[in-house]
Full PDB file with SEQRES, HELIX, SHEET, SSBOND, CRYST1, ORIGX, SCALE, CONECT and MASTER records, all heavy atoms in Angstrom:
SEQRES   1 A   35  MET ALA ALA ARG GLU LEU LEU ALA LYS HIS ASP SER VAL          
SEQRES   2 A   35  ASP GLY SER LYS ILE ALA ALA GLN GLY TYR CYS PHE GLY          
SEQRES   3 A   35  GLY ALA VAL VAL LEU ASN MET ALA ARG                          
HELIX    1 AA1 ALA A    2  ALA A    8  1                                   7    
HELIX    2 AA2 PHE A   25  ALA A   34  1                                  10    
CRYST1    1.000    1.000    1.000  90.00  90.00  90.00 P 1           1          
ORIGX1      1.000000  0.000000  0.000000        0.00000                         
ORIGX2      0.000000  1.000000  0.000000        0.00000                         
ORIGX3      0.000000  0.000000  1.000000        0.00000                         
SCALE1      1.000000  0.000000  0.000000        0.00000                         
SCALE2      0.000000  1.000000  0.000000        0.00000                         
SCALE3      0.000000  0.000000  1.000000        0.00000                         
ATOM      1  N   MET A   1     105.353  94.007 100.926  1.00  0.00           N  
ATOM      2  CA  MET A   1     106.491  94.532 101.666  1.00  0.00           C  
ATOM      3  C   MET A   1     107.787  94.442 100.873  1.00  0.00           C  
ATOM      4  O   MET A   1     108.667  95.298 101.019  1.00  0.00           O  
ATOM      5  CB  MET A   1     106.638  93.801 103.001  1.00  0.00           C  
ATOM      6  CG  MET A   1     105.481  94.043 103.966  1.00  0.00           C  
ATOM      7  SD  MET A   1     105.219  95.794 104.378  1.00  0.00           S  
ATOM      8  CE  MET A   1     106.686  96.123 105.354  1.00  0.00           C  
ATOM      9  N   ALA A   2     107.926  93.415 100.036  1.00  0.00           N  
ATOM     10  CA  ALA A   2     109.108  93.341  99.180  1.00  0.00           C  
ATOM     11  C   ALA A   2     109.164  94.538  98.242  1.00  0.00           C  
ATOM     12  O   ALA A   2     110.225  95.156  98.042  1.00  0.00           O  
ATOM     13  CB  ALA A   2     109.091  92.039  98.375  1.00  0.00           C  
ATOM     14  N   ALA A   3     108.017  94.887  97.668  1.00  0.00           N  
ATOM     15  CA  ALA A   3     107.951  96.052  96.780  1.00  0.00           C  
ATOM     16  C   ALA A   3     108.180  97.340  97.566  1.00  0.00           C  
ATOM     17  O   ALA A   3     108.847  98.267  97.070  1.00  0.00           O  
ATOM     18  CB  ALA A   3     106.595  96.091  96.080  1.00  0.00           C  
ATOM     19  N   ARG A   4     107.632  97.411  98.754  1.00  0.00           N  
ATOM     20  CA  ARG A   4     107.832  98.606  99.573  1.00  0.00           C  
ATOM     21  C   ARG A   4     109.312  98.817  99.852  1.00  0.00           C  
ATOM     22  O   ARG A   4     109.816  99.940  99.809  1.00  0.00           O  
ATOM     23  CB  ARG A   4     107.062  98.497 100.893  1.00  0.00           C  
ATOM     24  CG  ARG A   4     107.050  99.798 101.693  1.00  0.00           C  
ATOM     25  CD  ARG A   4     106.664  99.598 103.143  1.00  0.00           C  
ATOM     26  NE  ARG A   4     106.613 100.867 103.860  1.00  0.00           N  
ATOM     27  CZ  ARG A   4     107.676 101.574 104.211  1.00  0.00           C  
ATOM     28  NH1 ARG A   4     108.893 101.137 103.901  1.00  0.00           N  
ATOM     29  NH2 ARG A   4     107.544 102.723 104.859  1.00  0.00           N  
ATOM     30  N   GLU A   5     110.031  97.741 100.162  1.00  0.00           N  
ATOM     31  CA  GLU A   5     111.457  97.867 100.450  1.00  0.00           C  
ATOM     32  C   GLU A   5     112.235  98.322  99.212  1.00  0.00           C  
ATOM     33  O   GLU A   5     113.120  99.184  99.316  1.00  0.00           O  
ATOM     34  CB  GLU A   5     112.027  96.536 100.948  1.00  0.00           C  
ATOM     35  CG  GLU A   5     113.498  96.666 101.332  1.00  0.00           C  
ATOM     36  CD  GLU A   5     114.173  95.341 101.607  1.00  0.00           C  
ATOM     37  OE1 GLU A   5     113.681  94.307 101.118  1.00  0.00           O  
ATOM     38  OE2 GLU A   5     115.212  95.353 102.290  1.00  0.00           O  
ATOM     39  N   LEU A   6     111.903  97.762  98.066  1.00  0.00           N  
ATOM     40  CA  LEU A   6     112.574  98.178  96.834  1.00  0.00           C  
ATOM     41  C   LEU A   6     112.396  99.672  96.586  1.00  0.00           C  
ATOM     42  O   LEU A   6     113.347 100.382  96.246  1.00  0.00           O  
ATOM     43  CB  LEU A   6     112.010  97.385  95.644  1.00  0.00           C  
ATOM     44  CG  LEU A   6     112.501  95.955  95.479  1.00  0.00           C  
ATOM     45  CD1 LEU A   6     111.705  95.254  94.389  1.00  0.00           C  
ATOM     46  CD2 LEU A   6     113.972  95.935  95.136  1.00  0.00           C  
ATOM     47  N   LEU A   7     111.170 100.141  96.749  1.00  0.00           N  
ATOM     48  CA  LEU A   7     110.894 101.556  96.522  1.00  0.00           C  
ATOM     49  C   LEU A   7     111.623 102.421  97.544  1.00  0.00           C  
ATOM     50  O   LEU A   7     112.256 103.422  97.186  1.00  0.00           O  
ATOM     51  CB  LEU A   7     109.389 101.810  96.601  1.00  0.00           C  
ATOM     52  CG  LEU A   7     108.936 103.263  96.478  1.00  0.00           C  
ATOM     53  CD1 LEU A   7     109.316 103.836  95.120  1.00  0.00           C  
ATOM     54  CD2 LEU A   7     107.428 103.382  96.698  1.00  0.00           C  
ATOM     55  N   ALA A   8     111.544 102.055  98.811  1.00  0.00           N  
ATOM     56  CA  ALA A   8     112.144 102.867  99.872  1.00  0.00           C  
ATOM     57  C   ALA A   8     113.657 102.981  99.716  1.00  0.00           C  
ATOM     58  O   ALA A   8     114.254 103.988 100.116  1.00  0.00           O  
ATOM     59  CB  ALA A   8     111.796 102.282 101.241  1.00  0.00           C  
ATOM     60  N   LYS A   9     114.308 101.973  99.121  1.00  0.00           N  
ATOM     61  CA  LYS A   9     115.764 101.973  98.973  1.00  0.00           C  
ATOM     62  C   LYS A   9     116.233 102.555  97.643  1.00  0.00           C  
ATOM     63  O   LYS A   9     117.442 102.624  97.395  1.00  0.00           O  
ATOM     64  CB  LYS A   9     116.297 100.552  99.138  1.00  0.00           C  
ATOM     65  CG  LYS A   9     116.192 100.041 100.572  1.00  0.00           C  
ATOM     66  CD  LYS A   9     116.914  98.735 100.754  1.00  0.00           C  
ATOM     67  CE  LYS A   9     116.937  98.323 102.224  1.00  0.00           C  
ATOM     68  NZ  LYS A   9     117.692  97.073 102.440  1.00  0.00           N  
ATOM     69  N   HIS A  10     115.294 102.991  96.801  1.00  0.00           N  
ATOM     70  CA  HIS A  10     115.703 103.596  95.533  1.00  0.00           C  
ATOM     71  C   HIS A  10     116.462 104.888  95.807  1.00  0.00           C  
ATOM     72  O   HIS A  10     116.152 105.630  96.742  1.00  0.00           O  
ATOM     73  CB  HIS A  10     114.470 103.882  94.670  1.00  0.00           C  
ATOM     74  CG  HIS A  10     114.803 104.192  93.258  1.00  0.00           C  
ATOM     75  ND1 HIS A  10     115.049 105.473  92.813  1.00  0.00           N  
ATOM     76  CD2 HIS A  10     114.952 103.391  92.171  1.00  0.00           C  
ATOM     77  CE1 HIS A  10     115.314 105.452  91.520  1.00  0.00           C  
ATOM     78  NE2 HIS A  10     115.257 104.199  91.111  1.00  0.00           N  
ATOM     79  N   ASP A  11     117.473 105.157  94.988  1.00  0.00           N  
ATOM     80  CA  ASP A  11     118.336 106.314  95.209  1.00  0.00           C  
ATOM     81  C   ASP A  11     117.589 107.636  95.256  1.00  0.00           C  
ATOM     82  O   ASP A  11     118.041 108.588  95.895  1.00  0.00           O  
ATOM     83  CB  ASP A  11     119.407 106.393  94.109  1.00  0.00           C  
ATOM     84  CG  ASP A  11     120.445 105.291  94.215  1.00  0.00           C  
ATOM     85  OD1 ASP A  11     120.536 104.674  95.303  1.00  0.00           O  
ATOM     86  OD2 ASP A  11     121.157 105.047  93.230  1.00  0.00           O  
ATOM     87  N   SER A  12     116.440 107.711  94.578  1.00  0.00           N  
ATOM     88  CA  SER A  12     115.714 108.978  94.495  1.00  0.00           C  
ATOM     89  C   SER A  12     114.694 109.164  95.615  1.00  0.00           C  
ATOM     90  O   SER A  12     114.059 110.213  95.696  1.00  0.00           O  
ATOM     91  CB  SER A  12     114.980 109.066  93.150  1.00  0.00           C  
ATOM     92  OG  SER A  12     113.938 108.110  93.082  1.00  0.00           O  
ATOM     93  N   VAL A  13     114.545 108.155  96.488  1.00  0.00           N  
ATOM     94  CA  VAL A  13     113.418 108.141  97.432  1.00  0.00           C  
ATOM     95  C   VAL A  13     113.850 108.431  98.860  1.00  0.00           C  
ATOM     96  O   VAL A  13     114.865 107.919  99.355  1.00  0.00           O  
ATOM     97  CB  VAL A  13     112.696 106.777  97.371  1.00  0.00           C  
ATOM     98  CG1 VAL A  13     111.622 106.667  98.444  1.00  0.00           C  
ATOM     99  CG2 VAL A  13     112.075 106.577  95.991  1.00  0.00           C  
ATOM    100  N   ASP A  14     113.047 109.235  99.534  1.00  0.00           N  
ATOM    101  CA  ASP A  14     113.132 109.403 100.979  1.00  0.00           C  
ATOM    102  C   ASP A  14     112.335 108.259 101.592  1.00  0.00           C  
ATOM    103  O   ASP A  14     111.103 108.261 101.573  1.00  0.00           O  
ATOM    104  CB  ASP A  14     112.540 110.757 101.383  1.00  0.00           C  
ATOM    105  CG  ASP A  14     112.543 110.986 102.890  1.00  0.00           C  
ATOM    106  OD1 ASP A  14     112.779 110.029 103.647  1.00  0.00           O  
ATOM    107  OD2 ASP A  14     112.284 112.127 103.310  1.00  0.00           O  
ATOM    108  N   GLY A  15     113.029 107.270 102.091  1.00  0.00           N  
ATOM    109  CA  GLY A  15     112.386 106.047 102.565  1.00  0.00           C  
ATOM    110  C   GLY A  15     111.460 106.231 103.747  1.00  0.00           C  
ATOM    111  O   GLY A  15     110.703 105.314 104.089  1.00  0.00           O  
ATOM    112  N   SER A  16     111.477 107.402 104.356  1.00  0.00           N  
ATOM    113  CA  SER A  16     110.565 107.662 105.472  1.00  0.00           C  
ATOM    114  C   SER A  16     109.228 108.212 104.992  1.00  0.00           C  
ATOM    115  O   SER A  16     108.331 108.448 105.813  1.00  0.00           O  
ATOM    116  CB  SER A  16     111.202 108.669 106.445  1.00  0.00           C  
ATOM    117  OG  SER A  16     111.313 109.962 105.859  1.00  0.00           O  
ATOM    118  N   LYS A  17     109.087 108.411 103.675  1.00  0.00           N  
ATOM    119  CA  LYS A  17     107.856 108.974 103.116  1.00  0.00           C  
ATOM    120  C   LYS A  17     107.338 108.070 101.999  1.00  0.00           C  
ATOM    121  O   LYS A  17     107.764 108.185 100.843  1.00  0.00           O  
ATOM    122  CB  LYS A  17     108.111 110.385 102.593  1.00  0.00           C  
ATOM    123  CG  LYS A  17     108.507 111.379 103.683  1.00  0.00           C  
ATOM    124  CD  LYS A  17     108.718 112.776 103.123  1.00  0.00           C  
ATOM    125  CE  LYS A  17     109.022 113.771 104.237  1.00  0.00           C  
ATOM    126  NZ  LYS A  17     109.203 115.151 103.715  1.00  0.00           N  
ATOM    127  N   ILE A  18     106.449 107.156 102.353  1.00  0.00           N  
ATOM    128  CA  ILE A  18     105.928 106.173 101.400  1.00  0.00           C  
ATOM    129  C   ILE A  18     104.405 106.123 101.483  1.00  0.00           C  
ATOM    130  O   ILE A  18     103.823 106.059 102.573  1.00  0.00           O  
ATOM    131  CB  ILE A  18     106.484 104.758 101.676  1.00  0.00           C  
ATOM    132  CG1 ILE A  18     108.016 104.759 101.661  1.00  0.00           C  
ATOM    133  CG2 ILE A  18     105.935 103.766 100.655  1.00  0.00           C  
ATOM    134  CD1 ILE A  18     108.633 105.033 100.304  1.00  0.00           C  
ATOM    135  N   ALA A  19     103.760 106.143 100.327  1.00  0.00           N  
ATOM    136  CA  ALA A  19     102.313 105.979 100.221  1.00  0.00           C  
ATOM    137  C   ALA A  19     102.014 104.805  99.299  1.00  0.00           C  
ATOM    138  O   ALA A  19     102.914 104.275  98.636  1.00  0.00           O  
ATOM    139  CB  ALA A  19     101.666 107.256  99.693  1.00  0.00           C  
ATOM    140  N   ALA A  20     100.751 104.411  99.252  1.00  0.00           N  
ATOM    141  CA  ALA A  20     100.345 103.328  98.353  1.00  0.00           C  
ATOM    142  C   ALA A  20      98.950 103.605  97.822  1.00  0.00           C  
ATOM    143  O   ALA A  20      98.068 104.040  98.561  1.00  0.00           O  
ATOM    144  CB  ALA A  20     100.365 101.982  99.079  1.00  0.00           C  
ATOM    145  N   GLN A  21      98.769 103.368  96.536  1.00  0.00           N  
ATOM    146  CA  GLN A  21      97.450 103.499  95.931  1.00  0.00           C  
ATOM    147  C   GLN A  21      97.168 102.268  95.087  1.00  0.00           C  
ATOM    148  O   GLN A  21      98.058 101.682  94.483  1.00  0.00           O  
ATOM    149  CB  GLN A  21      97.363 104.769  95.083  1.00  0.00           C  
ATOM    150  CG  GLN A  21      98.307 104.844  93.904  1.00  0.00           C  
ATOM    151  CD  GLN A  21      98.289 106.223  93.249  1.00  0.00           C  
ATOM    152  OE1 GLN A  21      98.552 107.239  93.883  1.00  0.00           O  
ATOM    153  NE2 GLN A  21      97.985 106.254  91.955  1.00  0.00           N  
ATOM    154  N   GLY A  22      95.872 101.856  95.070  1.00  0.00           N  
ATOM    155  CA  GLY A  22      95.519 100.651  94.345  1.00  0.00           C  
ATOM    156  C   GLY A  22      94.189 100.787  93.649  1.00  0.00           C  
ATOM    157  O   GLY A  22      93.322 101.577  94.053  1.00  0.00           O  
ATOM    158  N   TYR A  23      94.007  99.980  92.624  1.00  0.00           N  
ATOM    159  CA  TYR A  23      92.843 100.028  91.751  1.00  0.00           C  
ATOM    160  C   TYR A  23      92.149  98.667  91.769  1.00  0.00           C  
ATOM    161  O   TYR A  23      92.792  97.644  91.550  1.00  0.00           O  
ATOM    162  CB  TYR A  23      93.278 100.373  90.315  1.00  0.00           C  
ATOM    163  CG  TYR A  23      94.011 101.694  90.230  1.00  0.00           C  
ATOM    164  CD1 TYR A  23      95.346 101.805  90.609  1.00  0.00           C  
ATOM    165  CD2 TYR A  23      93.358 102.845  89.797  1.00  0.00           C  
ATOM    166  CE1 TYR A  23      96.020 103.020  90.556  1.00  0.00           C  
ATOM    167  CE2 TYR A  23      94.018 104.062  89.731  1.00  0.00           C  
ATOM    168  CZ  TYR A  23      95.353 104.139  90.115  1.00  0.00           C  
ATOM    169  OH  TYR A  23      96.007 105.348  90.068  1.00  0.00           O  
ATOM    170  N   CYS A  24      90.827  98.680  92.033  1.00  0.00           N  
ATOM    171  CA  CYS A  24      90.064  97.428  92.025  1.00  0.00           C  
ATOM    172  C   CYS A  24      90.678  96.457  93.041  1.00  0.00           C  
ATOM    173  O   CYS A  24      90.694  96.749  94.229  1.00  0.00           O  
ATOM    174  CB  CYS A  24      90.040  96.872  90.593  1.00  0.00           C  
ATOM    175  SG  CYS A  24      89.088  95.381  90.319  1.00  0.00           S  
ATOM    176  N   PHE A  25      91.186  95.331  92.601  1.00  0.00           N  
ATOM    177  CA  PHE A  25      91.899  94.399  93.475  1.00  0.00           C  
ATOM    178  C   PHE A  25      92.971  95.123  94.284  1.00  0.00           C  
ATOM    179  O   PHE A  25      93.119  94.907  95.493  1.00  0.00           O  
ATOM    180  CB  PHE A  25      92.519  93.295  92.620  1.00  0.00           C  
ATOM    181  CG  PHE A  25      93.683  92.578  93.239  1.00  0.00           C  
ATOM    182  CD1 PHE A  25      93.484  91.625  94.223  1.00  0.00           C  
ATOM    183  CD2 PHE A  25      94.980  92.853  92.818  1.00  0.00           C  
ATOM    184  CE1 PHE A  25      94.570  90.959  94.795  1.00  0.00           C  
ATOM    185  CE2 PHE A  25      96.066  92.197  93.379  1.00  0.00           C  
ATOM    186  CZ  PHE A  25      95.858  91.246  94.376  1.00  0.00           C  
ATOM    187  N   GLY A  26      93.727  95.996  93.617  1.00  0.00           N  
ATOM    188  CA  GLY A  26      94.791  96.725  94.296  1.00  0.00           C  
ATOM    189  C   GLY A  26      94.274  97.657  95.370  1.00  0.00           C  
ATOM    190  O   GLY A  26      94.958  97.895  96.381  1.00  0.00           O  
ATOM    191  N   GLY A  27      93.068  98.193  95.179  1.00  0.00           N  
ATOM    192  CA  GLY A  27      92.468  99.032  96.201  1.00  0.00           C  
ATOM    193  C   GLY A  27      92.206  98.259  97.478  1.00  0.00           C  
ATOM    194  O   GLY A  27      92.385  98.769  98.591  1.00  0.00           O  
ATOM    195  N   ALA A  28      91.770  97.016  97.323  1.00  0.00           N  
ATOM    196  CA  ALA A  28      91.556  96.156  98.493  1.00  0.00           C  
ATOM    197  C   ALA A  28      92.882  95.829  99.167  1.00  0.00           C  
ATOM    198  O   ALA A  28      92.975  95.795 100.402  1.00  0.00           O  
ATOM    199  CB  ALA A  28      90.839  94.875  98.077  1.00  0.00           C  
ATOM    200  N   VAL A  29      93.921  95.599  98.365  1.00  0.00           N  
ATOM    201  CA  VAL A  29      95.234  95.277  98.924  1.00  0.00           C  
ATOM    202  C   VAL A  29      95.751  96.412  99.794  1.00  0.00           C  
ATOM    203  O   VAL A  29      96.189  96.195 100.934  1.00  0.00           O  
ATOM    204  CB  VAL A  29      96.246  94.960  97.802  1.00  0.00           C  
ATOM    205  CG1 VAL A  29      97.672  94.877  98.365  1.00  0.00           C  
ATOM    206  CG2 VAL A  29      95.897  93.651  97.110  1.00  0.00           C  
ATOM    207  N   VAL A  30      95.715  97.636  99.293  1.00  0.00           N  
ATOM    208  CA  VAL A  30      96.285  98.745 100.075  1.00  0.00           C  
ATOM    209  C   VAL A  30      95.466  99.013 101.333  1.00  0.00           C  
ATOM    210  O   VAL A  30      96.027  99.366 102.380  1.00  0.00           O  
ATOM    211  CB  VAL A  30      96.458 100.015  99.217  1.00  0.00           C  
ATOM    212  CG1 VAL A  30      97.414  99.748  98.061  1.00  0.00           C  
ATOM    213  CG2 VAL A  30      95.138 100.564  98.699  1.00  0.00           C  
ATOM    214  N   LEU A  31      94.155  98.842 101.262  1.00  0.00           N  
ATOM    215  CA  LEU A  31      93.347  98.992 102.463  1.00  0.00           C  
ATOM    216  C   LEU A  31      93.693  97.931 103.508  1.00  0.00           C  
ATOM    217  O   LEU A  31      93.760  98.221 104.712  1.00  0.00           O  
ATOM    218  CB  LEU A  31      91.861  98.906 102.122  1.00  0.00           C  
ATOM    219  CG  LEU A  31      91.200 100.172 101.575  1.00  0.00           C  
ATOM    220  CD1 LEU A  31      89.746  99.893 101.226  1.00  0.00           C  
ATOM    221  CD2 LEU A  31      91.283 101.319 102.595  1.00  0.00           C  
ATOM    222  N   ASN A  32      93.940  96.711 103.058  1.00  0.00           N  
ATOM    223  CA  ASN A  32      94.315  95.666 104.000  1.00  0.00           C  
ATOM    224  C   ASN A  32      95.687  95.921 104.613  1.00  0.00           C  
ATOM    225  O   ASN A  32      95.921  95.587 105.780  1.00  0.00           O  
ATOM    226  CB  ASN A  32      94.268  94.296 103.328  1.00  0.00           C  
ATOM    227  CG  ASN A  32      92.869  93.724 103.273  1.00  0.00           C  
ATOM    228  OD1 ASN A  32      92.022  94.058 104.108  1.00  0.00           O  
ATOM    229  ND2 ASN A  32      92.610  92.869 102.298  1.00  0.00           N  
ATOM    230  N   MET A  33      96.595  96.515 103.848  1.00  0.00           N  
ATOM    231  CA  MET A  33      97.893  96.864 104.423  1.00  0.00           C  
ATOM    232  C   MET A  33      97.719  97.922 105.520  1.00  0.00           C  
ATOM    233  O   MET A  33      98.387  97.880 106.551  1.00  0.00           O  
ATOM    234  CB  MET A  33      98.838  97.355 103.334  1.00  0.00           C  
ATOM    235  CG  MET A  33      99.229  96.293 102.305  1.00  0.00           C  
ATOM    236  SD  MET A  33      99.961  94.781 103.012  1.00  0.00           S  
ATOM    237  CE  MET A  33      98.562  93.647 102.940  1.00  0.00           C  
ATOM    238  N   ALA A  34      96.809  98.865 105.300  1.00  0.00           N  
ATOM    239  CA  ALA A  34      96.512  99.854 106.343  1.00  0.00           C  
ATOM    240  C   ALA A  34      95.922  99.169 107.570  1.00  0.00           C  
ATOM    241  O   ALA A  34      96.283  99.483 108.713  1.00  0.00           O  
ATOM    242  CB  ALA A  34      95.555 100.906 105.807  1.00  0.00           C  
ATOM    243  N   ARG A  35      95.012  98.225 107.352  1.00  0.00           N  
ATOM    244  CA  ARG A  35      94.396  97.498 108.468  1.00  0.00           C  
ATOM    245  C   ARG A  35      95.450  96.747 109.285  1.00  0.00           C  
ATOM    246  O   ARG A  35      95.335  96.600 110.504  1.00  0.00           O  
ATOM    247  CB  ARG A  35      93.365  96.501 107.942  1.00  0.00           C  
ATOM    248  CG  ARG A  35      92.078  97.124 107.398  1.00  0.00           C  
ATOM    249  CD  ARG A  35      91.156  96.052 106.869  1.00  0.00           C  
ATOM    250  NE  ARG A  35      89.829  96.531 106.553  1.00  0.00           N  
ATOM    251  CZ  ARG A  35      89.360  96.686 105.315  1.00  0.00           C  
ATOM    252  NH1 ARG A  35      90.126  96.392 104.256  1.00  0.00           N  
ATOM    253  NH2 ARG A  35      88.129  97.132 105.113  1.00  0.00           N  
TER     254      ARG A  35                                                      
MASTER        0    0    0    2    0    0    0    6  253    1    0    3          
END                                                                             
């Protein structure tokens, strides 16, 4: 969530439109965030 907030507040980002993708360990992380 700390990383999500940093990304959402970046000057170039529409904070209402955020996705996440992960690889191996990261794939499990993003699925758990969805859960």
